Every structure is written in structure tokens, then in C-alpha cells.
């Protein structure tokens, strides 16, 4: 059984005989491709590009389709940067 002291990130174990200890560390956030925002961005980009290439002359042009797709990709990159600014997700690993 592992017990921790309040305010510390190391844990002491009573049933282990070796010198290993559990260190609590933090990740920043989930990986980008594991988020629902990434999936929505992909769906939107594919939809815009399909609409741009499948449309007739009076609809969305190909240049506008690529422009909108790049805007969405840039917005996603900025939002992932903002999400990683201060968010921490704890995980334990043995040292």
C-alpha cells in the first residue's frame, strides 16, 4: 500500500524491500490527435475541400476552400497552444 505525505509528490511504500519509489509527475495535456477538437477540425477541413473541388462556378472557389481550411488549421494550432499553457494532468511513474 502506498501512502503519501500531504504537500509532497513522493510516496513511501511499506511493502517494498527495494529502493524504488513512486514519483508523481505531470503531463501538460492530452496528445493533440486524441482530442475531439482535432477530429472536428479534420471533418471540417475535409468538408470544405470537398465542397471547393466538387462545386460549380458560382459556389466556393478552390482558393477560398484552401484559405478556409488553413484558417481552421491555424486556429486549431493556436487553441492547442493555449490549452497547454497551464493545464497539468498528474500521472505516477516508478523511479
C-alpha atoms as a PDB file:
ATOM      1  CA  UNK A   1       0.000   0.000   0.000  1.00  0.00           C
ATOM      2  CA  UNK A   2       1.299   3.433  -0.896  1.00  0.00           C
ATOM      3  CA  UNK A   3       0.965   6.397   1.413  1.00  0.00           C
ATOM      4  CA  UNK A   4       1.757   9.982   0.614  1.00  0.00           C
ATOM      5  CA  UNK A   5       2.591  12.894   2.814  1.00  0.00           C
ATOM      6  CA  UNK A   6       0.473  15.985   2.142  1.00  0.00           C
ATOM      7  CA  UNK A   7       2.449  18.518   0.157  1.00  0.00           C
ATOM      8  CA  UNK A   8       4.964  16.052  -1.264  1.00  0.00           C
ATOM      9  CA  UNK A   9       4.986  14.294  -4.587  1.00  0.00           C
ATOM     10  CA  UNK A  10       6.942  11.243  -3.459  1.00  0.00           C
ATOM     11  CA  UNK A  11       5.295   8.237  -1.946  1.00  0.00           C
ATOM     12  CA  UNK A  12       6.618   5.895   0.698  1.00  0.00           C
ATOM     13  CA  UNK A  13       5.806   2.226   0.455  1.00  0.00           C
ATOM     14  CA  UNK A  14       5.653  -0.140   3.377  1.00  0.00           C
ATOM     15  CA  UNK A  15       5.600  -3.428   1.499  1.00  0.00           C
ATOM     16  CA  UNK A  16       8.565  -2.953  -0.866  1.00  0.00           C
ATOM     17  CA  UNK A  17      12.043  -4.108   0.004  1.00  0.00           C
ATOM     18  CA  UNK A  18      13.962  -2.303  -2.751  1.00  0.00           C
ATOM     19  CA  UNK A  19      14.783   1.394  -3.074  1.00  0.00           C
ATOM     20  CA  UNK A  20      12.232   2.193  -5.770  1.00  0.00           C
ATOM     21  CA  UNK A  21       9.787   4.948  -5.075  1.00  0.00           C
ATOM     22  CA  UNK A  22       6.817   6.362  -6.909  1.00  0.00           C
ATOM     23  CA  UNK A  23       7.332   9.877  -8.234  1.00  0.00           C
ATOM     24  CA  UNK A  24       4.325  11.941  -9.091  1.00  0.00           C
ATOM     25  CA  UNK A  25       4.910  13.946 -12.205  1.00  0.00           C
ATOM     26  CA  UNK A  26       2.681  15.914 -14.539  1.00  0.00           C
ATOM     27  CA  UNK A  27       1.939  15.891 -18.236  1.00  0.00           C
ATOM     28  CA  UNK A  28       0.765  19.035 -19.920  1.00  0.00           C
ATOM     29  CA  UNK A  29      -2.415  17.888 -21.658  1.00  0.00           C
ATOM     30  CA  UNK A  30      -3.697  15.083 -23.828  1.00  0.00           C
ATOM     31  CA  UNK A  31      -1.963  14.483 -27.113  1.00  0.00           C
ATOM     32  CA  UNK A  32      -3.402  16.648 -29.843  1.00  0.00           C
ATOM     33  CA  UNK A  33      -4.687  13.865 -32.051  1.00  0.00           C
ATOM     34  CA  UNK A  34      -6.606  12.334 -29.119  1.00  0.00           C
ATOM     35  CA  UNK A  35      -8.884  15.349 -28.701  1.00  0.00           C
ATOM     36  CA  UNK A  36     -12.347  15.871 -30.133  1.00  0.00           C
ATOM     37  CA  UNK A  37     -11.248  19.274 -31.444  1.00  0.00           C
ATOM     38  CA  UNK A  38      -8.760  17.556 -33.745  1.00  0.00           C
ATOM     39  CA  UNK A  39     -11.460  15.253 -35.098  1.00  0.00           C
ATOM     40  CA  UNK A  40     -13.822  18.185 -35.694  1.00  0.00           C
ATOM     41  CA  UNK A  41     -11.041  20.132 -37.424  1.00  0.00           C
ATOM     42  CA  UNK A  42     -10.330  17.203 -39.751  1.00  0.00           C
ATOM     43  CA  UNK A  43     -14.002  16.779 -40.587  1.00  0.00           C
ATOM     44  CA  UNK A  44     -14.376  20.496 -41.313  1.00  0.00           C
ATOM     45  CA  UNK A  45     -11.228  20.697 -43.456  1.00  0.00           C
ATOM     46  CA  UNK A  46     -12.222  17.643 -45.489  1.00  0.00           C
ATOM     47  CA  UNK A  47     -15.753  19.006 -45.893  1.00  0.00           C
ATOM     48  CA  UNK A  48     -14.553  22.415 -47.066  1.00  0.00           C
ATOM     49  CA  UNK A  49     -12.069  20.935 -49.528  1.00  0.00           C
ATOM     50  CA  UNK A  50     -14.636  18.501 -50.919  1.00  0.00           C
ATOM     51  CA  UNK A  51     -17.113  21.367 -51.307  1.00  0.00           C
ATOM     52  CA  UNK A  52     -14.476  23.509 -53.012  1.00  0.00           C
ATOM     53  CA  UNK A  53     -13.489  20.840 -55.527  1.00  0.00           C
ATOM     54  CA  UNK A  54     -16.999  19.466 -56.146  1.00  0.00           C
ATOM     55  CA  UNK A  55     -18.816  22.769 -56.546  1.00  0.00           C
ATOM     56  CA  UNK A  56     -19.756  24.612 -59.711  1.00  0.00           C
ATOM     57  CA  UNK A  57     -18.523  28.038 -60.782  1.00  0.00           C
ATOM     58  CA  UNK A  58     -20.851  30.152 -58.625  1.00  0.00           C
ATOM     59  CA  UNK A  59     -20.072  28.432 -55.321  1.00  0.00           C
ATOM     60  CA  UNK A  60     -16.957  28.131 -53.184  1.00  0.00           C
ATOM     61  CA  UNK A  61     -13.729  28.507 -55.204  1.00  0.00           C
ATOM     62  CA  UNK A  62     -10.752  26.224 -54.681  1.00  0.00           C
ATOM     63  CA  UNK A  63      -8.613  29.091 -53.413  1.00  0.00           C
ATOM     64  CA  UNK A  64     -11.258  30.003 -50.839  1.00  0.00           C
ATOM     65  CA  UNK A  65     -11.535  26.358 -49.789  1.00  0.00           C
ATOM     66  CA  UNK A  66      -7.807  26.119 -49.117  1.00  0.00           C
ATOM     67  CA  UNK A  67      -7.866  29.516 -47.372  1.00  0.00           C
ATOM     68  CA  UNK A  68     -10.681  28.440 -45.019  1.00  0.00           C
ATOM     69  CA  UNK A  69      -9.003  25.094 -44.359  1.00  0.00           C
ATOM     70  CA  UNK A  70      -5.731  26.835 -43.467  1.00  0.00           C
ATOM     71  CA  UNK A  71      -7.597  29.273 -41.181  1.00  0.00           C
ATOM     72  CA  UNK A  72      -9.151  26.357 -39.294  1.00  0.00           C
ATOM     73  CA  UNK A  73      -5.794  24.561 -39.027  1.00  0.00           C
ATOM     74  CA  UNK A  74      -4.113  27.721 -37.706  1.00  0.00           C
ATOM     75  CA  UNK A  75      -6.932  28.274 -35.200  1.00  0.00           C
ATOM     76  CA  UNK A  76      -6.554  24.679 -34.002  1.00  0.00           C
ATOM     77  CA  UNK A  77      -2.791  25.119 -33.547  1.00  0.00           C
ATOM     78  CA  UNK A  78      -3.335  28.311 -31.528  1.00  0.00           C
ATOM     79  CA  UNK A  79      -6.034  26.680 -29.399  1.00  0.00           C
ATOM     80  CA  UNK A  80      -3.758  23.712 -28.594  1.00  0.00           C
ATOM     81  CA  UNK A  81      -1.038  26.146 -27.573  1.00  0.00           C
ATOM     82  CA  UNK A  82      -3.448  27.948 -25.273  1.00  0.00           C
ATOM     83  CA  UNK A  83      -4.659  24.639 -23.839  1.00  0.00           C
ATOM     84  CA  UNK A  84      -1.093  23.650 -22.942  1.00  0.00           C
ATOM     85  CA  UNK A  85      -0.260  26.908 -21.170  1.00  0.00           C
ATOM     86  CA  UNK A  86      -1.144  25.919 -17.645  1.00  0.00           C
ATOM     87  CA  UNK A  87      -3.034  22.665 -17.610  1.00  0.00           C
ATOM     88  CA  UNK A  88      -1.361  19.757 -15.862  1.00  0.00           C
ATOM     89  CA  UNK A  89      -2.531  16.162 -15.730  1.00  0.00           C
ATOM     90  CA  UNK A  90      -0.899  14.050 -12.983  1.00  0.00           C
ATOM     91  CA  UNK A  91       0.487  10.587 -13.560  1.00  0.00           C
ATOM     92  CA  UNK A  92       2.625   8.280 -11.459  1.00  0.00           C
ATOM     93  CA  UNK A  93       5.775   6.533 -12.592  1.00  0.00           C
ATOM     94  CA  UNK A  94       8.216   4.405 -10.702  1.00  0.00           C
ATOM     95  CA  UNK A  95      11.821   5.505 -10.427  1.00  0.00           C
END
